[in-house]
Amino acid sequence: MGPHCSFCGTFTGPFSQAEGLFTVLICIPCLEIRQARPDTLLGLHDPGHPWEQWGCPIEGCGKWFPGPWDLEGHTAAEHPDWTAIYELLRPYPNQRMRVVYRRSAPPAAGARSTR
């Protein structure tokens, strides 16, 4: 297995190095998401797992799913203060996907329910 982005799993660069406890590679689109807003996260992707390759990045959750699209429904049901959006960045043959998490805006003061 050659160099790949530690966040979305793509094998096509260019890559930058993200330093922390460990130094990892990060592709430019993932780097842009990470630097853009502090309330933005990327879904976890581990192509080494045979079945459940996509994980929820929200601290304390720890749930994993077979496909990235499953994270949208999980997030809506389990984390109402977050929104997950599945993005297909590149189609086959070099498919590239990611799930972007953003904090939902709190309801405006005085907003009425539409029940």
PDB file of N, CA and C in Angstrom:
ATOM      1  N   MET A   1       0.845  -1.171   0.000  1.00  0.00           N
ATOM      2  CA  MET A   1       0.000   0.000   0.000  1.00  0.00           C
ATOM      3  C   MET A   1       0.890   1.233   0.000  1.00  0.00           C
ATOM      4  N   GLY A   2       0.679   2.112  -0.952  1.00  0.00           N
ATOM      5  CA  GLY A   2       1.506   3.302  -1.086  1.00  0.00           C
ATOM      6  C   GLY A   2       1.001   4.444  -0.224  1.00  0.00           C
ATOM      7  N   PRO A   3       1.546   5.626  -0.432  1.00  0.00           N
ATOM      8  CA  PRO A   3       1.103   6.783   0.346  1.00  0.00           C
ATOM      9  C   PRO A   3      -0.361   7.108   0.049  1.00  0.00           C
ATOM     10  N   HIS A   4      -1.085   7.449   1.108  1.00  0.00           N
ATOM     11  CA  HIS A   4      -2.502   7.790   0.966  1.00  0.00           C
ATOM     12  C   HIS A   4      -2.894   8.780   2.060  1.00  0.00           C
ATOM     13  N   CYS A   5      -3.992   9.484   1.822  1.00  0.00           N
ATOM     14  CA  CYS A   5      -4.513  10.438   2.804  1.00  0.00           C
ATOM     15  C   CYS A   5      -5.048   9.665   4.006  1.00  0.00           C
ATOM     16  N   SER A   6      -4.633  10.049   5.178  1.00  0.00           N
ATOM     17  CA  SER A   6      -5.072   9.378   6.399  1.00  0.00           C
ATOM     18  C   SER A   6      -6.495   9.758   6.787  1.00  0.00           C
ATOM     19  N   PHE A   7      -7.105  10.709   6.092  1.00  0.00           N
ATOM     20  CA  PHE A   7      -8.441  11.172   6.447  1.00  0.00           C
ATOM     21  C   PHE A   7      -9.513  10.640   5.492  1.00  0.00           C
ATOM     22  N   CYS A   8      -9.262  10.679   4.171  1.00  0.00           N
ATOM     23  CA  CYS A   8     -10.269  10.183   3.221  1.00  0.00           C
ATOM     24  C   CYS A   8      -9.818   8.924   2.495  1.00  0.00           C
ATOM     25  N   GLY A   9      -8.533   8.585   2.554  1.00  0.00           N
ATOM     26  CA  GLY A   9      -8.042   7.343   1.974  1.00  0.00           C
ATOM     27  C   GLY A   9      -7.587   7.409   0.533  1.00  0.00           C
ATOM     28  N   THR A  10      -7.635   8.590  -0.111  1.00  0.00           N
ATOM     29  CA  THR A  10      -7.236   8.677  -1.508  1.00  0.00           C
ATOM     30  C   THR A  10      -5.747   8.383  -1.672  1.00  0.00           C
ATOM     31  N   PHE A  11      -5.408   7.798  -2.822  1.00  0.00           N
ATOM     32  CA  PHE A  11      -4.017   7.489  -3.131  1.00  0.00           C
ATOM     33  C   PHE A  11      -3.395   8.535  -4.051  1.00  0.00           C
ATOM     34  N   THR A  12      -4.229   9.441  -4.584  1.00  0.00           N
ATOM     35  CA  THR A  12      -3.710  10.455  -5.496  1.00  0.00           C
ATOM     36  C   THR A  12      -3.418  11.730  -4.727  1.00  0.00           C
ATOM     37  N   GLY A  13      -2.219  12.236  -4.871  1.00  0.00           N
ATOM     38  CA  GLY A  13      -1.781  13.432  -4.162  1.00  0.00           C
ATOM     39  C   GLY A  13      -2.178  14.683  -4.899  1.00  0.00           C
ATOM     40  N   PRO A  14      -1.580  15.771  -4.578  1.00  0.00           N
ATOM     41  CA  PRO A  14      -0.448  15.909  -3.659  1.00  0.00           C
ATOM     42  C   PRO A  14      -0.899  15.815  -2.201  1.00  0.00           C
ATOM     43  N   PHE A  15       0.070  15.507  -1.350  1.00  0.00           N
ATOM     44  CA  PHE A  15      -0.189  15.369   0.068  1.00  0.00           C
ATOM     45  C   PHE A  15       0.628  16.384   0.864  1.00  0.00           C
ATOM     46  N   SER A  16       0.115  16.711   2.023  1.00  0.00           N
ATOM     47  CA  SER A  16       0.833  17.516   2.993  1.00  0.00           C
ATOM     48  C   SER A  16       0.984  16.647   4.235  1.00  0.00           C
ATOM     49  N   GLN A  17       1.904  17.006   5.104  1.00  0.00           N
ATOM     50  CA  GLN A  17       2.060  16.242   6.331  1.00  0.00           C
ATOM     51  C   GLN A  17       1.365  16.979   7.470  1.00  0.00           C
ATOM     52  N   ALA A  18       0.539  16.250   8.218  1.00  0.00           N
ATOM     53  CA  ALA A  18      -0.127  16.793   9.403  1.00  0.00           C
ATOM     54  C   ALA A  18       0.590  16.206  10.607  1.00  0.00           C
ATOM     55  N   GLU A  19       1.119  17.064  11.431  1.00  0.00           N
ATOM     56  CA  GLU A  19       1.879  16.587  12.585  1.00  0.00           C
ATOM     57  C   GLU A  19       1.055  16.703  13.849  1.00  0.00           C
ATOM     58  N   GLY A  20       1.202  15.715  14.691  1.00  0.00           N
ATOM     59  CA  GLY A  20       0.531  15.653  15.977  1.00  0.00           C
ATOM     60  C   GLY A  20       1.257  14.606  16.783  1.00  0.00           C
ATOM     61  N   LEU A  21       0.516  13.726  17.415  1.00  0.00           N
ATOM     62  CA  LEU A  21       1.135  12.606  18.111  1.00  0.00           C
ATOM     63  C   LEU A  21       1.912  11.753  17.109  1.00  0.00           C
ATOM     64  N   PHE A  22       1.321  11.582  15.893  1.00  0.00           N
ATOM     65  CA  PHE A  22       1.973  10.900  14.784  1.00  0.00           C
ATOM     66  C   PHE A  22       1.948  11.828  13.586  1.00  0.00           C
ATOM     67  N   THR A  23       2.899  11.697  12.692  1.00  0.00           N
ATOM     68  CA  THR A  23       2.871  12.454  11.450  1.00  0.00           C
ATOM     69  C   THR A  23       2.116  11.622  10.418  1.00  0.00           C
ATOM     70  N   VAL A  24       1.090  12.210   9.818  1.00  0.00           N
ATOM     71  CA  VAL A  24       0.264  11.519   8.831  1.00  0.00           C
ATOM     72  C   VAL A  24       0.186  12.360   7.565  1.00  0.00           C
ATOM     73  N   LEU A  25      -0.205  11.723   6.471  1.00  0.00           N
ATOM     74  CA  LEU A  25      -0.401  12.433   5.212  1.00  0.00           C
ATOM     75  C   LEU A  25      -1.850  12.885   5.101  1.00  0.00           C
ATOM     76  N   ILE A  26      -2.053  14.062   4.521  1.00  0.00           N
ATOM     77  CA  ILE A  26      -3.392  14.606   4.313  1.00  0.00           C
ATOM     78  C   ILE A  26      -3.433  15.222   2.923  1.00  0.00           C
ATOM     79  N   CYS A  27      -4.505  14.915   2.162  1.00  0.00           N
ATOM     80  CA  CYS A  27      -4.632  15.488   0.823  1.00  0.00           C
ATOM     81  C   CYS A  27      -5.093  16.946   0.941  1.00  0.00           C
ATOM     82  N   ILE A  28      -4.925  17.686  -0.115  1.00  0.00           N
ATOM     83  CA  ILE A  28      -5.236  19.120  -0.088  1.00  0.00           C
ATOM     84  C   ILE A  28      -6.718  19.393   0.185  1.00  0.00           C
ATOM     85  N   PRO A  29      -7.693  18.680  -0.445  1.00  0.00           N
ATOM     86  CA  PRO A  29      -9.100  18.940  -0.094  1.00  0.00           C
ATOM     87  C   PRO A  29      -9.415  18.687   1.382  1.00  0.00           C
ATOM     88  N   CYS A  30      -8.851  17.631   1.956  1.00  0.00           N
ATOM     89  CA  CYS A  30      -9.086  17.365   3.382  1.00  0.00           C
ATOM     90  C   CYS A  30      -8.426  18.438   4.242  1.00  0.00           C
ATOM     91  N   LEU A  31      -7.248  18.886   3.826  1.00  0.00           N
ATOM     92  CA  LEU A  31      -6.560  19.947   4.558  1.00  0.00           C
ATOM     93  C   LEU A  31      -7.390  21.230   4.546  1.00  0.00           C
ATOM     94  N   GLU A  32      -8.001  21.540   3.409  1.00  0.00           N
ATOM     95  CA  GLU A  32      -8.845  22.734   3.323  1.00  0.00           C
ATOM     96  C   GLU A  32     -10.026  22.644   4.283  1.00  0.00           C
ATOM     97  N   ILE A  33     -10.652  21.473   4.365  1.00  0.00           N
ATOM     98  CA  ILE A  33     -11.777  21.288   5.288  1.00  0.00           C
ATOM     99  C   ILE A  33     -11.306  21.458   6.722  1.00  0.00           C
ATOM    100  N   ARG A  34     -10.180  20.848   7.068  1.00  0.00           N
ATOM    101  CA  ARG A  34      -9.668  20.912   8.439  1.00  0.00           C
ATOM    102  C   ARG A  34      -9.314  22.336   8.849  1.00  0.00           C
ATOM    103  N   GLN A  35      -8.812  23.128   7.905  1.00  0.00           N
ATOM    104  CA  GLN A  35      -8.387  24.485   8.239  1.00  0.00           C
ATOM    105  C   GLN A  35      -9.510  25.505   8.116  1.00  0.00           C
ATOM    106  N   ALA A  36     -10.577  25.147   7.420  1.00  0.00           N
ATOM    107  CA  ALA A  36     -11.626  26.121   7.125  1.00  0.00           C
ATOM    108  C   ALA A  36     -12.393  26.573   8.360  1.00  0.00           C
ATOM    109  N   ARG A  37     -12.924  25.640   9.111  1.00  0.00           N
ATOM    110  CA  ARG A  37     -13.771  25.991  10.244  1.00  0.00           C
ATOM    111  C   ARG A  37     -13.518  25.018  11.380  1.00  0.00           C
ATOM    112  N   PRO A  38     -13.438  25.535  12.590  1.00  0.00           N
ATOM    113  CA  PRO A  38     -13.202  24.632  13.712  1.00  0.00           C
ATOM    114  C   PRO A  38     -14.400  23.729  14.023  1.00  0.00           C
ATOM    115  N   ASP A  39     -15.582  24.076  13.518  1.00  0.00           N
ATOM    116  CA  ASP A  39     -16.771  23.260  13.779  1.00  0.00           C
ATOM    117  C   ASP A  39     -17.049  22.287  12.633  1.00  0.00           C
ATOM    118  N   THR A  40     -16.011  21.958  11.841  1.00  0.00           N
ATOM    119  CA  THR A  40     -16.138  21.028  10.721  1.00  0.00           C
ATOM    120  C   THR A  40     -15.263  19.810  10.977  1.00  0.00           C
ATOM    121  N   LEU A  41     -15.835  18.627  10.736  1.00  0.00           N
ATOM    122  CA  LEU A  41     -15.103  17.367  10.893  1.00  0.00           C
ATOM    123  C   LEU A  41     -15.260  16.545   9.622  1.00  0.00           C
ATOM    124  N   LEU A  42     -14.377  15.576   9.429  1.00  0.00           N
ATOM    125  CA  LEU A  42     -14.514  14.625   8.341  1.00  0.00           C
ATOM    126  C   LEU A  42     -14.838  13.255   8.916  1.00  0.00           C
ATOM    127  N   GLY A  43     -15.727  12.531   8.233  1.00  0.00           N
ATOM    128  CA  GLY A  43     -16.025  11.171   8.647  1.00  0.00           C
ATOM    129  C   GLY A  43     -14.758  10.327   8.606  1.00  0.00           C
ATOM    130  N   LEU A  44     -14.667   9.373   9.503  1.00  0.00           N
ATOM    131  CA  LEU A  44     -13.496   8.509   9.571  1.00  0.00           C
ATOM    132  C   LEU A  44     -13.591   7.453   8.477  1.00  0.00           C
ATOM    133  N   HIS A  45     -12.465   7.165   7.822  1.00  0.00           N
ATOM    134  CA  HIS A  45     -12.447   6.156   6.770  1.00  0.00           C
ATOM    135  C   HIS A  45     -11.257   5.240   6.980  1.00  0.00           C
ATOM    136  N   ASP A  46     -11.537   3.944   7.079  1.00  0.00           N
ATOM    137  CA  ASP A  46     -10.480   2.952   7.244  1.00  0.00           C
ATOM    138  C   ASP A  46     -10.674   1.857   6.202  1.00  0.00           C
ATOM    139  N   PRO A  47     -10.008   1.983   5.027  1.00  0.00           N
ATOM    140  CA  PRO A  47     -10.197   0.990   3.974  1.00  0.00           C
ATOM    141  C   PRO A  47      -9.629  -0.384   4.331  1.00  0.00           C
ATOM    142  N   GLY A  48      -8.933  -0.497   5.437  1.00  0.00           N
ATOM    143  CA  GLY A  48      -8.380  -1.772   5.866  1.00  0.00           C
ATOM    144  C   GLY A  48      -9.400  -2.701   6.506  1.00  0.00           C
ATOM    145  N   HIS A  49     -10.540  -2.170   6.929  1.00  0.00           N
ATOM    146  CA  HIS A  49     -11.592  -3.014   7.499  1.00  0.00           C
ATOM    147  C   HIS A  49     -12.418  -3.612   6.368  1.00  0.00           C
ATOM    148  N   PRO A  50     -12.734  -4.907   6.439  1.00  0.00           N
ATOM    149  CA  PRO A  50     -13.462  -5.523   5.329  1.00  0.00           C
ATOM    150  C   PRO A  50     -14.919  -5.086   5.212  1.00  0.00           C
ATOM    151  N   TRP A  51     -15.597  -4.753   6.318  1.00  0.00           N
ATOM    152  CA  TRP A  51     -17.021  -4.438   6.242  1.00  0.00           C
ATOM    153  C   TRP A  51     -17.330  -3.013   6.641  1.00  0.00           C
ATOM    154  N   GLU A  52     -17.095  -2.676   7.858  1.00  0.00           N
ATOM    155  CA  GLU A  52     -17.457  -1.338   8.346  1.00  0.00           C
ATOM    156  C   GLU A  52     -16.252  -0.411   8.221  1.00  0.00           C
ATOM    157  N   GLN A  53     -16.233   0.369   7.118  1.00  0.00           N
ATOM    158  CA  GLN A  53     -15.082   1.202   6.800  1.00  0.00           C
ATOM    159  C   GLN A  53     -15.271   2.673   7.133  1.00  0.00           C
ATOM    160  N   TRP A  54     -16.486   3.098   7.480  1.00  0.00           N
ATOM    161  CA  TRP A  54     -16.770   4.513   7.715  1.00  0.00           C
ATOM    162  C   TRP A  54     -17.239   4.720   9.149  1.00  0.00           C
ATOM    163  N   GLY A  55     -16.568   5.628   9.869  1.00  0.00           N
ATOM    164  CA  GLY A  55     -16.867   5.849  11.270  1.00  0.00           C
ATOM    165  C   GLY A  55     -17.303   7.269  11.572  1.00  0.00           C
ATOM    166  N   CYS A  56     -18.074   7.392  12.615  1.00  0.00           N
ATOM    167  CA  CYS A  56     -18.547   8.695  13.080  1.00  0.00           C
ATOM    168  C   CYS A  56     -17.418   9.388  13.845  1.00  0.00           C
ATOM    169  N   PRO A  57     -17.049  10.614  13.462  1.00  0.00           N
ATOM    170  CA  PRO A  57     -15.939  11.299  14.111  1.00  0.00           C
ATOM    171  C   PRO A  57     -16.308  12.049  15.388  1.00  0.00           C
ATOM    172  N   ILE A  58     -17.572  12.056  15.755  1.00  0.00           N
ATOM    173  CA  ILE A  58     -18.000  12.819  16.926  1.00  0.00           C
ATOM    174  C   ILE A  58     -17.504  12.113  18.183  1.00  0.00           C
ATOM    175  N   GLU A  59     -16.847  12.865  19.015  1.00  0.00           N
ATOM    176  CA  GLU A  59     -16.202  12.317  20.207  1.00  0.00           C
ATOM    177  C   GLU A  59     -17.186  11.523  21.071  1.00  0.00           C
ATOM    178  N   GLY A  60     -16.774  10.310  21.424  1.00  0.00           N
ATOM    179  CA  GLY A  60     -17.585   9.458  22.280  1.00  0.00           C
ATOM    180  C   GLY A  60     -18.565   8.556  21.550  1.00  0.00           C
ATOM    181  N   CYS A  61     -18.725   8.715  20.238  1.00  0.00           N
ATOM    182  CA  CYS A  61     -19.696   7.904  19.505  1.00  0.00           C
ATOM    183  C   CYS A  61     -19.117   6.525  19.170  1.00  0.00           C
ATOM    184  N   GLY A  62     -18.119   6.477  18.312  1.00  0.00           N
ATOM    185  CA  GLY A  62     -17.438   5.233  17.994  1.00  0.00           C
ATOM    186  C   GLY A  62     -18.180   4.259  17.095  1.00  0.00           C
ATOM    187  N   LYS A  63     -19.265   4.667  16.442  1.00  0.00           N
ATOM    188  CA  LYS A  63     -20.008   3.751  15.562  1.00  0.00           C
ATOM    189  C   LYS A  63     -19.406   3.754  14.158  1.00  0.00           C
ATOM    190  N   TRP A  64     -19.387   2.557  13.540  1.00  0.00           N
ATOM    191  CA  TRP A  64     -18.845   2.366  12.200  1.00  0.00           C
ATOM    192  C   TRP A  64     -19.912   1.756  11.296  1.00  0.00           C
ATOM    193  N   PHE A  65     -19.841   2.081   9.986  1.00  0.00           N
ATOM    194  CA  PHE A  65     -20.845   1.662   9.018  1.00  0.00           C
ATOM    195  C   PHE A  65     -20.196   1.191   7.727  1.00  0.00           C
ATOM    196  N   PRO A  66     -20.931   0.389   6.913  1.00  0.00           N
ATOM    197  CA  PRO A  66     -20.367  -0.116   5.656  1.00  0.00           C
ATOM    198  C   PRO A  66     -20.133   0.968   4.606  1.00  0.00           C
ATOM    199  N   GLY A  67     -21.006   1.962   4.517  1.00  0.00           N
ATOM    200  CA  GLY A  67     -20.875   2.981   3.477  1.00  0.00           C
ATOM    201  C   GLY A  67     -20.931   4.379   4.046  1.00  0.00           C
ATOM    202  N   PRO A  68     -20.349   5.346   3.338  1.00  0.00           N
ATOM    203  CA  PRO A  68     -20.337   6.726   3.837  1.00  0.00           C
ATOM    204  C   PRO A  68     -21.725   7.343   3.918  1.00  0.00           C
ATOM    205  N   TRP A  69     -22.638   6.922   3.058  1.00  0.00           N
ATOM    206  CA  TRP A  69     -24.009   7.462   3.057  1.00  0.00           C
ATOM    207  C   TRP A  69     -24.756   7.087   4.335  1.00  0.00           C
ATOM    208  N   ASP A  70     -24.342   6.005   5.000  1.00  0.00           N
ATOM    209  CA  ASP A  70     -24.981   5.603   6.259  1.00  0.00           C
ATOM    210  C   ASP A  70     -24.742   6.618   7.370  1.00  0.00           C
ATOM    211  N   LEU A  71     -23.664   7.377   7.262  1.00  0.00           N
ATOM    212  CA  LEU A  71     -23.354   8.354   8.306  1.00  0.00           C
ATOM    213  C   LEU A  71     -24.351   9.504   8.339  1.00  0.00           C
ATOM    214  N   GLU A  72     -24.961   9.837   7.193  1.00  0.00           N
ATOM    215  CA  GLU A  72     -25.942  10.922   7.167  1.00  0.00           C
ATOM    216  C   GLU A  72     -27.141  10.599   8.058  1.00  0.00           C
ATOM    217  N   GLY A  73     -27.707   9.407   7.891  1.00  0.00           N
ATOM    218  CA  GLY A  73     -28.864   9.007   8.696  1.00  0.00           C
ATOM    219  C   GLY A  73     -28.518   8.831  10.160  1.00  0.00           C
ATOM    220  N   HIS A  74     -27.360   8.233  10.419  1.00  0.00           N
ATOM    221  CA  HIS A  74     -26.902   8.055  11.807  1.00  0.00           C
ATOM    222  C   HIS A  74     -26.766   9.407  12.501  1.00  0.00           C
ATOM    223  N   THR A  75     -26.167  10.356  11.815  1.00  0.00           N
ATOM    224  CA  THR A  75     -25.945  11.671  12.416  1.00  0.00           C
ATOM    225  C   THR A  75     -27.264  12.382  12.690  1.00  0.00           C
ATOM    226  N   ALA A  76     -28.199  12.306  11.754  1.00  0.00           N
ATOM    227  CA  ALA A  76     -29.508  12.948  11.953  1.00  0.00           C
ATOM    228  C   ALA A  76     -30.232  12.346  13.149  1.00  0.00           C
ATOM    229  N   ALA A  77     -30.110  11.021  13.334  1.00  0.00           N
ATOM    230  CA  ALA A  77     -30.820  10.348  14.423  1.00  0.00           C
ATOM    231  C   ALA A  77     -30.112  10.486  15.767  1.00  0.00           C
ATOM    232  N   GLU A  78     -28.789  10.390  15.772  1.00  0.00           N
ATOM    233  CA  GLU A  78     -28.044  10.326  17.026  1.00  0.00           C
ATOM    234  C   GLU A  78     -27.387  11.636  17.460  1.00  0.00           C
ATOM    235  N   HIS A  79     -27.132  12.529  16.511  1.00  0.00           N
ATOM    236  CA  HIS A  79     -26.425  13.784  16.824  1.00  0.00           C
ATOM    237  C   HIS A  79     -27.164  14.957  16.175  1.00  0.00           C
ATOM    238  N   PRO A  80     -28.306  15.373  16.733  1.00  0.00           N
ATOM    239  CA  PRO A  80     -29.121  16.401  16.084  1.00  0.00           C
ATOM    240  C   PRO A  80     -28.443  17.766  15.969  1.00  0.00           C
ATOM    241  N   ASP A  81     -27.387  17.998  16.729  1.00  0.00           N
ATOM    242  CA  ASP A  81     -26.692  19.286  16.625  1.00  0.00           C
ATOM    243  C   ASP A  81     -25.610  19.270  15.546  1.00  0.00           C
ATOM    244  N   TRP A  82     -25.512  18.179  14.778  1.00  0.00           N
ATOM    245  CA  TRP A  82     -24.553  18.059  13.679  1.00  0.00           C
ATOM    246  C   TRP A  82     -25.295  17.679  12.399  1.00  0.00           C
ATOM    247  N   THR A  83     -24.722  18.040  11.255  1.00  0.00           N
ATOM    248  CA  THR A  83     -25.222  17.646   9.949  1.00  0.00           C
ATOM    249  C   THR A  83     -24.085  16.951   9.212  1.00  0.00           C
ATOM    250  N   ALA A  84     -24.353  15.785   8.638  1.00  0.00           N
ATOM    251  CA  ALA A  84     -23.359  15.047   7.850  1.00  0.00           C
ATOM    252  C   ALA A  84     -23.788  15.060   6.389  1.00  0.00           C
ATOM    253  N   ILE A  85     -22.848  15.347   5.499  1.00  0.00           N
ATOM    254  CA  ILE A  85     -23.128  15.392   4.071  1.00  0.00           C
ATOM    255  C   ILE A  85     -22.130  14.496   3.347  1.00  0.00           C
ATOM    256  N   TYR A  86     -22.655  13.491   2.653  1.00  0.00           N
ATOM    257  CA  TYR A  86     -21.828  12.588   1.848  1.00  0.00           C
ATOM    258  C   TYR A  86     -21.477  13.285   0.537  1.00  0.00           C
ATOM    259  N   GLU A  87     -20.189  13.268   0.168  1.00  0.00           N
ATOM    260  CA  GLU A  87     -19.741  13.908  -1.063  1.00  0.00           C
ATOM    261  C   GLU A  87     -18.955  12.906  -1.900  1.00  0.00           C
ATOM    262  N   LEU A  88     -19.331  12.767  -3.155  1.00  0.00           N
ATOM    263  CA  LEU A  88     -18.567  11.972  -4.117  1.00  0.00           C
ATOM    264  C   LEU A  88     -17.677  12.958  -4.855  1.00  0.00           C
ATOM    265  N   LEU A  89     -16.393  12.948  -4.539  1.00  0.00           N
ATOM    266  CA  LEU A  89     -15.467  13.920  -5.108  1.00  0.00           C
ATOM    267  C   LEU A  89     -14.949  13.503  -6.480  1.00  0.00           C
ATOM    268  N   ARG A  90     -14.835  12.205  -6.695  1.00  0.00           N
ATOM    269  CA  ARG A  90     -14.317  11.708  -7.959  1.00  0.00           C
ATOM    270  C   ARG A  90     -14.968  10.349  -8.239  1.00  0.00           C
ATOM    271  N   PRO A  91     -15.537  10.162  -9.442  1.00  0.00           N
ATOM    272  CA  PRO A  91     -16.169   8.877  -9.762  1.00  0.00           C
ATOM    273  C   PRO A  91     -15.125   7.808 -10.096  1.00  0.00           C
ATOM    274  N   TYR A  92     -15.605   6.598 -10.369  1.00  0.00           N
ATOM    275  CA  TYR A  92     -14.714   5.518 -10.773  1.00  0.00           C
ATOM    276  C   TYR A  92     -13.937   5.933 -12.004  1.00  0.00           C
ATOM    277  N   PRO A  93     -12.738   5.456 -12.268  1.00  0.00           N
ATOM    278  CA  PRO A  93     -12.094   4.326 -11.619  1.00  0.00           C
ATOM    279  C   PRO A  93     -11.327   4.699 -10.352  1.00  0.00           C
ATOM    280  N   ASN A  94     -10.994   5.925 -10.140  1.00  0.00           N
ATOM    281  CA  ASN A  94     -10.277   6.336  -8.925  1.00  0.00           C
ATOM    282  C   ASN A  94     -11.236   7.068  -8.001  1.00  0.00           C
ATOM    283  N   GLN A  95     -12.272   6.359  -7.579  1.00  0.00           N
ATOM    284  CA  GLN A  95     -13.335   6.974  -6.794  1.00  0.00           C
ATOM    285  C   GLN A  95     -12.801   7.564  -5.495  1.00  0.00           C
ATOM    286  N   ARG A  96     -13.336   8.717  -5.155  1.00  0.00           N
ATOM    287  CA  ARG A  96     -12.947   9.385  -3.923  1.00  0.00           C
ATOM    288  C   ARG A  96     -14.190   9.941  -3.270  1.00  0.00           C
ATOM    289  N   MET A  97     -14.410   9.570  -2.006  1.00  0.00           N
ATOM    290  CA  MET A  97     -15.601   9.980  -1.268  1.00  0.00           C
ATOM    291  C   MET A  97     -15.177  10.559   0.070  1.00  0.00           C
ATOM    292  N   ARG A  98     -16.073  11.349   0.657  1.00  0.00           N
ATOM    293  CA  ARG A  98     -15.864  11.811   2.019  1.00  0.00           C
ATOM    294  C   ARG A  98     -17.210  12.205   2.609  1.00  0.00           C
ATOM    295  N   VAL A  99     -17.228  12.310   3.930  1.00  0.00           N
ATOM    296  CA  VAL A  99     -18.412  12.783   4.639  1.00  0.00           C
ATOM    297  C   VAL A  99     -17.962  13.974   5.467  1.00  0.00           C
ATOM    298  N   VAL A 100     -18.612  15.117   5.246  1.00  0.00           N
ATOM    299  CA  VAL A 100     -18.269  16.352   5.948  1.00  0.00           C
ATOM    300  C   VAL A 100     -19.323  16.603   7.019  1.00  0.00           C
ATOM    301  N   TYR A 101     -18.867  16.806   8.238  1.00  0.00           N
ATOM    302  CA  TYR A 101     -19.739  17.104   9.375  1.00  0.00           C
ATOM    303  C   TYR A 101     -19.630  18.588   9.706  1.00  0.00           C
ATOM    304  N   ARG A 102     -20.778  19.216   9.902  1.00  0.00           N
ATOM    305  CA  ARG A 102     -20.799  20.615  10.339  1.00  0.00           C
ATOM    306  C   ARG A 102     -21.817  20.748  11.457  1.00  0.00           C
ATOM    307  N   ARG A 103     -21.495  21.609  12.400  1.00  0.00           N
ATOM    308  CA  ARG A 103     -22.454  21.875  13.473  1.00  0.00           C
ATOM    309  C   ARG A 103     -23.661  22.583  12.890  1.00  0.00           C
ATOM    310  N   SER A 104     -24.832  22.140  13.302  1.00  0.00           N
ATOM    311  CA  SER A 104     -26.076  22.776  12.861  1.00  0.00           C
ATOM    312  C   SER A 104     -26.241  24.092  13.598  1.00  0.00           C
ATOM    313  N   ALA A 105     -26.828  25.045  12.910  1.00  0.00           N
ATOM    314  CA  ALA A 105     -27.093  26.331  13.548  1.00  0.00           C
ATOM    315  C   ALA A 105     -28.185  26.150  14.592  1.00  0.00           C
ATOM    316  N   PRO A 106     -28.029  26.752  15.774  1.00  0.00           N
ATOM    317  CA  PRO A 106     -29.108  26.661  16.768  1.00  0.00           C
ATOM    318  C   PRO A 106     -30.342  27.385  16.269  1.00  0.00           C
ATOM    319  N   PRO A 107     -31.535  26.935  16.674  1.00  0.00           N
ATOM    320  CA  PRO A 107     -32.748  27.620  16.243  1.00  0.00           C
ATOM    321  C   PRO A 107     -32.760  29.061  16.741  1.00  0.00           C
ATOM    322  N   ALA A 108     -33.281  29.948  15.905  1.00  0.00           N
ATOM    323  CA  ALA A 108     -33.328  31.371  16.265  1.00  0.00           C
ATOM    324  C   ALA A 108     -34.261  31.571  17.456  1.00  0.00           C
ATOM    325  N   ALA A 109     -33.930  32.534  18.288  1.00  0.00           N
ATOM    326  CA  ALA A 109     -34.773  32.844  19.443  1.00  0.00           C
ATOM    327  C   ALA A 109     -36.142  33.305  18.936  1.00  0.00           C
ATOM    328  N   GLY A 110     -37.160  32.755  19.522  1.00  0.00           N
ATOM    329  CA  GLY A 110     -38.505  33.130  19.131  1.00  0.00           C
ATOM    330  C   GLY A 110     -39.024  32.368  17.917  1.00  0.00           C
ATOM    331  N   ALA A 111     -38.218  31.433  17.403  1.00  0.00           N
ATOM    332  CA  ALA A 111     -38.667  30.632  16.256  1.00  0.00           C
ATOM    333  C   ALA A 111     -39.788  29.711  16.706  1.00  0.00           C
ATOM    334  N   ARG A 112     -40.785  29.538  15.869  1.00  0.00           N
ATOM    335  CA  ARG A 112     -41.935  28.718  16.223  1.00  0.00           C
ATOM    336  C   ARG A 112     -41.832  27.352  15.563  1.00  0.00           C
ATOM    337  N   SER A 113     -42.341  26.382  16.243  1.00  0.00           N
ATOM    338  CA  SER A 113     -42.399  25.037  15.696  1.00  0.00           C
ATOM    339  C   SER A 113     -43.514  24.970  14.661  1.00  0.00           C
ATOM    340  N   THR A 114     -43.319  24.158  13.626  1.00  0.00           N
ATOM    341  CA  THR A 114     -44.329  24.053  12.569  1.00  0.00           C
ATOM    342  C   THR A 114     -45.125  22.779  12.728  1.00  0.00           C
ATOM    343  N   ARG A 115     -45.543  22.448  13.906  1.00  0.00           N
ATOM    344  CA  ARG A 115     -46.330  21.235  14.155  1.00  0.00           C
ATOM    345  C   ARG A 115     -47.770  21.480  13.900  1.00  0.00           C
TER     346      ARG A 115
END
